[in-house]
Amino acid sequence: LCRQLDVPCQTLELNLSPAKGESIEAQARMARYRALEKLIQTGDLLLTAHHQDDQAETVLLQLLRGAGPAGLSAMPELTRFGCGYMARPLLAVSAAEIDDYAKAEQLCWIEDPSNRSLQFDRNFLRNQVIPVLRGRWPALGRTLSRSARHCAETQALVEAAVADDLEAFWERDNHSLAVTGIAVLPPPRARALLRVWISAEGFPVPGSARLERVLNEMVTAGRDRNPLVHWPGAEVRRFRDRIYIMRPLPRLTHIAPLEWDGSTSVRLPGSLGRLEAYTGPGGLSLSDWRTARIRIKFSARQQDGVRIAGQLHSTTFKNLFQQHAVPVWMRPRIPLIYLDNELAAVGDLCICNPFAVAQSERGVHLRWIRVLDTD
């Protein structure tokens, strides 16, 4: 069809591996949207074929899961999506109307056989439950869609009510929220703020029990504690006076040292991003960089010494990480750069003696591009 119409066509294949407790349906939906989001350019508009019956199914599914106004709002007609927008122009059109049109126009289409599988909740509703409900309430599609619009209006009021809180307590760059801000709010407002924040960060909002754990464990924990609450697709951690949201961290296993030629960027294991080297005033000795064997190691031992360039006395990794406010969960994941088996740099935090050169000389600097919280 695309060839006949001279329309570019791109097919994507996704490999699914649901996390423990995550349904294959939810994982597939998130993976699809994530893949499509990467294709969207600035100003692009993604159109989907979701119709009125899809909306009714979504409302019922969310209702059965105990969702609040945000979940019961179901699918919006227009929403921001990546660098562009996503629109669903057929939400007011029923599946029967689309089917009648396709037959009248003698269109050809393919039925996905998995749509008949009752192991999936949506299919069970579509094939077993909704026909019974529609027999009693023929306008079910329209009325449930209307309820979704009412809930969307309610959710908009909730978001407006906590907008000032979000602006005051949210640091977008490091995906965190101020604990002190949440602590002074009444519980219903604090829960609303957490839901809006998690959604604004692009993560699935957890159920009531886990949200209550975030509120209780994160806010009441001592400043020196590092609680963790996780659910499929996301986890929340606390460090000092802020709580952070991120994709689940890969398990820490023994990572063999990486060899690096130092001229191109190097991809780090465990979704830790990549390291790049560039030249500028000061930094690491260019001659050492070009002649030494460069290796990258991980899992710094907290009490080991570090000889930071420009300082008379050595310090420990623990003190260095505290000084730079490195969260506890990131400390074992900091790349350590060695030149001929001697520590030369700790990520992009500092350069170590004896490899530093004066600002009047050109040297090598490191840039650590972290993708852990976004990829």
Protein backbone atom coordinates (compact mmCIF):
# COMPACT_ATOMS: atom_id res chain seq x y z
CA LEU A 1 0.00 0.00 0.00
CA CYS A 2 2.76 2.46 0.94
CA ARG A 3 4.60 1.63 -2.27
CA GLN A 4 1.45 2.33 -4.30
CA LEU A 5 0.92 5.67 -2.56
CA ASP A 6 4.63 6.55 -2.57
CA VAL A 7 4.58 6.91 1.21
CA PRO A 8 7.74 6.10 3.23
CA CYS A 9 7.26 3.02 5.41
CA GLN A 10 9.39 1.90 8.34
CA THR A 11 8.87 -1.36 10.24
CA LEU A 12 10.18 -1.76 13.78
CA GLU A 13 10.71 -5.03 15.63
CA LEU A 14 10.69 -5.03 19.44
CA ASN A 15 12.04 -7.63 21.85
CA LEU A 16 9.93 -7.81 24.99
CA SER A 17 11.13 -8.97 28.39
CA PRO A 18 8.58 -7.93 31.03
CA ALA A 19 9.91 -7.18 34.49
CA LYS A 20 8.71 -9.24 37.42
CA GLY A 21 5.10 -8.29 38.13
CA GLU A 22 4.71 -6.43 34.81
CA SER A 23 2.12 -7.62 32.29
CA ILE A 24 3.14 -8.35 28.72
CA GLU A 25 0.40 -5.94 27.58
CA ALA A 26 1.79 -3.04 29.61
CA GLN A 27 5.36 -3.79 28.58
CA ALA A 28 4.42 -4.02 24.90
CA ARG A 29 2.53 -0.72 25.06
CA MET A 30 5.44 1.08 26.73
CA ALA A 31 7.94 -0.42 24.28
CA ARG A 32 5.84 0.64 21.28
CA TYR A 33 5.50 4.21 22.48
CA ARG A 34 9.18 4.41 23.39
CA ALA A 35 10.19 3.22 19.91
CA LEU A 36 7.79 5.63 18.19
CA GLU A 37 8.92 8.52 20.40
CA LYS A 38 12.47 8.12 19.12
CA LEU A 39 11.24 8.61 15.53
CA ILE A 40 9.33 11.82 16.24
CA GLN A 41 11.04 14.99 15.04
CA THR A 42 10.29 18.52 16.24
CA GLY A 43 6.78 19.50 15.18
CA ASP A 44 5.78 15.99 14.03
CA LEU A 45 2.25 14.72 14.65
CA LEU A 46 1.75 11.01 15.30
CA LEU A 47 -1.76 9.78 14.46
CA THR A 48 -3.16 6.59 15.97
CA ALA A 49 -6.34 4.70 15.02
CA HIS A 50 -7.75 4.33 18.55
CA HIS A 51 -11.54 4.50 18.37
CA GLN A 52 -14.47 4.89 20.76
CA ASP A 53 -14.58 1.21 21.68
CA ASP A 54 -10.86 1.27 22.54
CA GLN A 55 -11.59 4.20 24.85
CA ALA A 56 -14.45 2.33 26.52
CA GLU A 57 -12.20 -0.69 27.09
CA THR A 58 -9.52 1.53 28.60
CA VAL A 59 -12.00 3.13 31.02
CA LEU A 60 -13.25 -0.27 32.17
CA LEU A 61 -9.72 -1.64 32.57
CA GLN A 62 -8.68 1.36 34.64
CA LEU A 63 -11.84 1.15 36.74
CA LEU A 64 -11.16 -2.53 37.48
CA ARG A 65 -7.61 -1.61 38.53
CA GLY A 66 -8.88 0.96 41.00
CA ALA A 67 -7.55 3.96 39.07
CA GLY A 68 -8.27 7.56 40.01
CA PRO A 69 -9.13 10.51 37.74
CA ALA A 70 -5.85 10.31 35.81
CA GLY A 71 -6.33 6.66 34.85
CA LEU A 72 -10.05 7.03 34.20
CA SER A 73 -9.32 9.92 31.83
CA ALA A 74 -8.16 7.11 29.51
CA MET A 75 -6.64 8.30 26.22
CA PRO A 76 -6.52 12.04 25.40
CA GLU A 77 -7.39 13.24 21.91
CA LEU A 78 -4.19 15.30 21.73
CA THR A 79 -1.08 15.14 23.89
CA ARG A 80 2.58 16.06 23.74
CA PHE A 81 4.72 13.18 22.52
CA GLY A 82 8.49 13.37 22.41
CA CYS A 83 9.46 16.40 20.31
CA GLY A 84 6.00 16.57 18.75
CA TYR A 85 2.42 15.53 19.43
CA MET A 86 0.20 12.47 19.33
CA ALA A 87 -3.42 12.70 18.21
CA ARG A 88 -6.27 10.19 18.21
CA PRO A 89 -8.78 11.60 15.70
CA LEU A 90 -11.14 8.58 15.79
CA LEU A 91 -12.00 8.52 19.50
CA ALA A 92 -15.56 9.66 18.76
CA VAL A 93 -16.03 6.98 16.08
CA SER A 94 -17.19 3.48 17.03
CA ALA A 95 -15.59 0.26 15.82
CA ALA A 96 -18.86 -0.64 14.07
CA GLU A 97 -18.82 2.63 12.11
CA ILE A 98 -15.23 2.01 11.01
CA ASP A 99 -16.11 -1.56 10.03
CA ASP A 100 -19.12 -0.40 8.00
CA TYR A 101 -17.01 2.21 6.21
CA ALA A 102 -14.27 -0.30 5.39
CA LYS A 103 -16.78 -2.74 3.93
CA ALA A 104 -18.58 -0.03 1.94
CA GLU A 105 -15.27 1.15 0.45
CA GLN A 106 -14.16 -2.47 -0.14
CA LEU A 107 -10.99 -1.93 1.87
CA CYS A 108 -8.70 -4.83 2.69
CA TRP A 109 -7.28 -5.28 6.17
CA ILE A 110 -5.53 -7.86 8.32
CA GLU A 111 -7.00 -9.18 11.57
CA ASP A 112 -4.42 -9.77 14.29
CA PRO A 113 -5.15 -13.31 15.55
CA SER A 114 -3.90 -12.37 19.03
CA ASN A 115 -6.94 -10.08 19.37
CA ARG A 116 -8.99 -13.22 20.08
CA SER A 117 -6.74 -14.51 22.85
CA LEU A 118 -8.60 -14.31 26.15
CA GLN A 119 -5.39 -14.47 28.17
CA PHE A 120 -5.11 -10.69 27.72
CA ASP A 121 -7.36 -8.53 29.90
CA ARG A 122 -8.36 -6.15 27.12
CA ASN A 123 -9.35 -9.00 24.82
CA PHE A 124 -11.39 -10.61 27.60
CA LEU A 125 -13.31 -7.38 28.10
CA ARG A 126 -13.75 -6.87 24.36
CA ASN A 127 -14.95 -10.37 23.55
CA GLN A 128 -16.68 -11.55 26.73
CA VAL A 129 -17.77 -8.63 28.90
CA ILE A 130 -18.55 -5.63 26.71
CA PRO A 131 -20.99 -7.50 24.40
CA VAL A 132 -23.06 -8.40 27.48
CA LEU A 133 -22.96 -4.82 28.79
CA ARG A 134 -23.81 -3.41 25.38
CA GLY A 135 -26.84 -5.72 25.21
CA ARG A 136 -28.22 -3.88 28.24
CA TRP A 137 -26.69 -0.43 27.57
CA PRO A 138 -26.32 0.03 23.78
CA ALA A 139 -24.74 3.49 24.17
CA LEU A 140 -21.96 2.11 26.37
CA GLY A 141 -19.17 3.41 24.11
CA ARG A 142 -20.47 6.98 24.15
CA THR A 143 -21.28 7.07 27.85
CA LEU A 144 -17.93 5.65 28.97
CA SER A 145 -16.13 8.09 26.68
CA ARG A 146 -18.12 10.90 28.28
CA SER A 147 -17.05 9.69 31.73
CA ALA A 148 -13.45 9.74 30.52
CA ARG A 149 -13.83 13.39 29.50
CA HIS A 150 -15.30 14.27 32.91
CA CYS A 151 -12.38 12.55 34.65
CA ALA A 152 -9.93 14.36 32.38
CA GLU A 153 -11.42 17.68 33.49
CA THR A 154 -11.11 16.63 37.14
CA GLN A 155 -7.49 15.59 36.59
CA ALA A 156 -6.76 18.96 34.98
CA LEU A 157 -8.06 20.66 38.14
CA VAL A 158 -5.84 18.40 40.30
CA GLU A 159 -2.79 19.26 38.21
CA ALA A 160 -3.59 22.97 38.43
CA ALA A 161 -3.95 22.68 42.21
CA VAL A 162 -0.43 21.24 42.64
CA ALA A 163 1.23 23.24 39.84
CA ASP A 164 2.82 25.71 42.28
CA ASP A 165 4.09 22.84 44.47
CA LEU A 166 5.61 21.14 41.45
CA GLU A 167 7.30 24.33 40.31
CA ALA A 168 8.74 24.95 43.78
CA PHE A 169 9.98 21.43 44.59
CA TRP A 170 10.85 19.80 41.24
CA GLU A 171 14.35 19.88 39.75
CA ARG A 172 13.85 18.72 36.19
CA ASP A 173 17.54 18.32 35.33
CA ASN A 174 18.19 15.67 37.96
CA HIS A 175 14.65 14.22 38.06
CA SER A 176 14.15 14.89 41.76
CA LEU A 177 11.66 16.35 44.21
CA ALA A 178 12.38 18.12 47.51
CA VAL A 179 11.48 16.00 50.54
CA THR A 180 10.99 19.08 52.72
CA GLY A 181 8.37 20.35 50.29
CA ILE A 182 6.36 17.14 50.32
CA ALA A 183 6.54 16.86 54.12
CA VAL A 184 4.61 20.08 54.75
CA LEU A 185 1.68 19.17 52.48
CA PRO A 186 -1.52 17.48 53.66
CA PRO A 187 -1.44 13.78 52.64
CA PRO A 188 -4.05 14.03 49.83
CA ARG A 189 -2.19 16.94 48.27
CA ALA A 190 1.17 15.20 48.71
CA ARG A 191 -0.18 12.10 46.96
CA ALA A 192 -1.54 14.24 44.14
CA LEU A 193 1.85 15.97 43.79
CA LEU A 194 3.67 12.62 43.62
CA ARG A 195 1.30 11.31 40.94
CA VAL A 196 1.65 14.44 38.82
CA TRP A 197 5.46 14.46 39.24
CA ILE A 198 5.87 10.78 38.33
CA SER A 199 3.68 11.22 35.27
CA ALA A 200 5.49 14.43 34.23
CA GLU A 201 8.79 12.53 34.42
CA GLY A 202 7.39 10.03 31.90
CA PHE A 203 7.04 7.03 34.23
CA PRO A 204 4.01 4.84 34.97
CA VAL A 205 2.21 5.96 38.12
CA PRO A 206 2.19 3.15 40.73
CA GLY A 207 -0.83 1.81 42.56
CA SER A 208 -2.03 3.22 45.85
CA ALA A 209 0.01 0.87 48.07
CA ARG A 210 3.35 1.69 46.47
CA LEU A 211 2.53 5.39 46.27
CA GLU A 212 1.81 5.32 50.00
CA ARG A 213 5.21 3.67 50.53
CA VAL A 214 6.89 6.47 48.57
CA LEU A 215 5.12 9.03 50.72
CA ASN A 216 5.84 7.31 54.03
CA GLU A 217 9.28 5.76 53.53
CA MET A 218 10.86 8.56 51.51
CA VAL A 219 9.58 11.50 53.52
CA THR A 220 10.05 10.07 57.01
CA ALA A 221 13.48 8.48 56.43
CA GLY A 222 16.48 10.06 58.10
CA ARG A 223 18.75 12.21 55.97
CA ASP A 224 21.45 9.52 56.08
CA ARG A 225 19.12 6.72 54.94
CA ASN A 226 18.67 5.61 51.35
CA PRO A 227 15.24 3.98 50.98
CA LEU A 228 14.10 2.43 47.70
CA VAL A 229 10.58 1.85 46.35
CA HIS A 230 10.22 0.22 42.95
CA TRP A 231 7.45 -0.92 40.63
CA PRO A 232 7.44 -2.15 37.00
CA GLY A 233 9.18 0.44 34.85
CA ALA A 234 10.39 2.78 37.59
CA GLU A 235 11.99 3.16 40.99
CA VAL A 236 12.25 6.01 43.48
CA ARG A 237 15.28 6.53 45.74
CA ARG A 238 16.18 9.13 48.35
CA PHE A 239 19.51 10.88 48.77
CA ARG A 240 19.90 13.61 51.36
CA ASP A 241 16.86 15.89 51.08
CA ARG A 242 15.60 14.86 47.65
CA ILE A 243 13.85 11.87 46.11
CA TYR A 244 14.86 10.74 42.63
CA ILE A 245 12.95 8.76 40.02
CA MET A 246 14.65 6.60 37.38
CA ARG A 247 14.37 3.45 35.35
CA PRO A 248 15.27 0.35 37.41
CA LEU A 249 19.04 0.19 37.82
CA PRO A 250 20.73 -2.84 36.26
CA ARG A 251 22.01 -5.31 38.82
CA LEU A 252 25.59 -4.70 39.87
CA THR A 253 27.81 -7.56 38.81
CA HIS A 254 31.55 -7.83 38.47
CA ILE A 255 32.55 -5.75 35.45
CA ALA A 256 35.84 -6.59 33.80
CA PRO A 257 38.11 -3.59 33.08
CA LEU A 258 37.47 -1.95 29.71
CA GLU A 259 40.26 -1.15 27.30
CA TRP A 260 39.97 2.27 25.65
CA ASP A 261 41.98 3.80 22.83
CA GLY A 262 41.16 7.27 24.19
CA SER A 263 40.42 8.79 20.80
CA THR A 264 36.80 7.76 20.27
CA SER A 265 33.94 7.64 22.75
CA VAL A 266 33.56 4.41 24.70
CA ARG A 267 30.23 2.85 25.63
CA LEU A 268 30.02 1.87 29.29
CA PRO A 269 28.31 -1.34 30.45
CA GLY A 270 25.11 -1.55 32.45
CA SER A 271 23.35 1.36 30.69
CA LEU A 272 25.84 3.79 32.25
CA GLY A 273 26.19 5.86 29.09
CA ARG A 274 29.50 6.64 27.45
CA LEU A 275 32.76 8.49 28.03
CA GLU A 276 34.23 11.02 25.63
CA ALA A 277 37.65 12.67 25.66
CA TYR A 278 38.30 16.19 24.38
CA THR A 279 41.16 18.68 24.68
CA GLY A 280 41.25 22.06 26.40
CA PRO A 281 43.24 24.15 28.89
CA GLY A 282 44.53 22.05 31.77
CA GLY A 283 43.34 18.51 32.31
CA LEU A 284 45.25 15.25 31.85
CA SER A 285 48.69 15.18 30.28
CA LEU A 286 48.36 14.74 26.52
CA SER A 287 51.63 12.83 26.28
CA ASP A 288 50.59 10.39 29.01
CA TRP A 289 47.17 9.99 27.41
CA ARG A 290 48.65 9.11 24.03
CA THR A 291 51.29 6.68 25.26
CA ALA A 292 49.76 4.94 28.26
CA ARG A 293 47.45 1.94 28.33
CA ILE A 294 44.00 3.31 29.17
CA ARG A 295 41.66 1.12 31.19
CA ILE A 296 38.29 1.81 32.83
CA LYS A 297 37.34 0.11 36.09
CA PHE A 298 34.37 0.31 38.45
CA SER A 299 33.39 -0.35 42.08
CA ALA A 300 35.61 2.13 43.90
CA ARG A 301 36.26 1.07 47.49
CA GLN A 302 34.98 3.86 49.72
CA GLN A 303 38.03 4.04 52.00
CA ASP A 304 40.67 3.91 49.27
CA GLY A 305 42.75 7.05 48.80
CA VAL A 306 42.50 9.50 45.89
CA ARG A 307 45.21 12.05 45.08
CA ILE A 308 43.24 14.90 43.55
CA ALA A 309 45.20 17.33 41.41
CA GLY A 310 45.79 20.67 43.13
CA GLN A 311 45.33 19.31 46.66
CA LEU A 312 48.20 18.77 49.11
CA HIS A 313 46.69 15.76 50.84
CA SER A 314 44.91 12.72 49.50
CA THR A 315 41.27 12.06 50.31
CA THR A 316 39.05 8.99 50.15
CA PHE A 317 36.51 8.03 47.52
CA LYS A 318 33.84 8.39 50.20
CA ASN A 319 34.80 12.00 50.95
CA LEU A 320 35.11 12.80 47.24
CA PHE A 321 31.63 11.43 46.50
CA GLN A 322 30.14 13.26 49.47
CA GLN A 323 31.78 16.51 48.39
CA HIS A 324 30.27 16.19 44.90
CA ALA A 325 26.91 14.97 46.26
CA VAL A 326 27.09 11.72 44.29
CA PRO A 327 24.06 9.59 45.24
CA VAL A 328 24.91 6.35 47.04
CA TRP A 329 23.54 4.13 44.26
CA MET A 330 25.79 5.78 41.67
CA ARG A 331 29.06 5.51 43.61
CA PRO A 332 29.83 1.88 42.60
CA ARG A 333 28.96 2.84 39.02
CA ILE A 334 31.43 5.73 38.64
CA PRO A 335 33.98 4.94 35.89
CA LEU A 336 37.57 5.07 37.14
CA ILE A 337 40.15 5.84 34.43
CA TYR A 338 43.60 4.30 34.83
CA LEU A 339 46.75 5.08 32.85
CA ASP A 340 49.19 2.18 33.06
CA ASN A 341 47.42 0.87 36.18
CA GLU A 342 47.56 4.23 38.02
CA LEU A 343 44.36 6.15 38.77
CA ALA A 344 44.18 9.21 36.51
CA ALA A 345 40.56 10.39 36.78
CA VAL A 346 37.36 9.63 38.66
CA GLY A 347 34.65 9.88 36.03
CA ASP A 348 34.37 13.54 35.12
CA LEU A 349 34.58 14.58 38.80
CA CYS A 350 38.31 15.09 39.14
CA ILE A 351 41.77 14.49 37.70
CA CYS A 352 44.38 12.78 39.84
CA ASN A 353 48.07 13.35 40.43
CA PRO A 354 50.55 12.92 38.81
CA PHE A 355 48.71 13.29 35.49
CA ALA A 356 47.40 16.88 35.71
CA VAL A 357 48.92 19.70 33.65
CA ALA A 358 48.79 23.45 34.25
CA GLN A 359 45.99 25.59 32.82
CA SER A 360 48.54 27.13 30.45
CA GLU A 361 48.95 23.73 28.74
CA ARG A 362 46.49 21.82 26.60
CA GLY A 363 45.33 18.59 28.13
CA VAL A 364 42.64 15.94 27.96
CA HIS A 365 39.25 16.37 29.64
CA LEU A 366 36.55 13.74 30.10
CA ARG A 367 32.85 14.06 29.46
CA TRP A 368 30.58 11.39 30.94
CA ILE A 369 27.29 11.29 29.06
CA ARG A 370 24.90 9.61 31.43
CA VAL A 371 21.90 7.90 29.89
CA LEU A 372 20.96 5.76 32.86
CA ASP A 373 17.81 7.71 33.72
CA THR A 374 16.51 8.25 30.22
CA ASP A 375 17.34 5.25 28.07
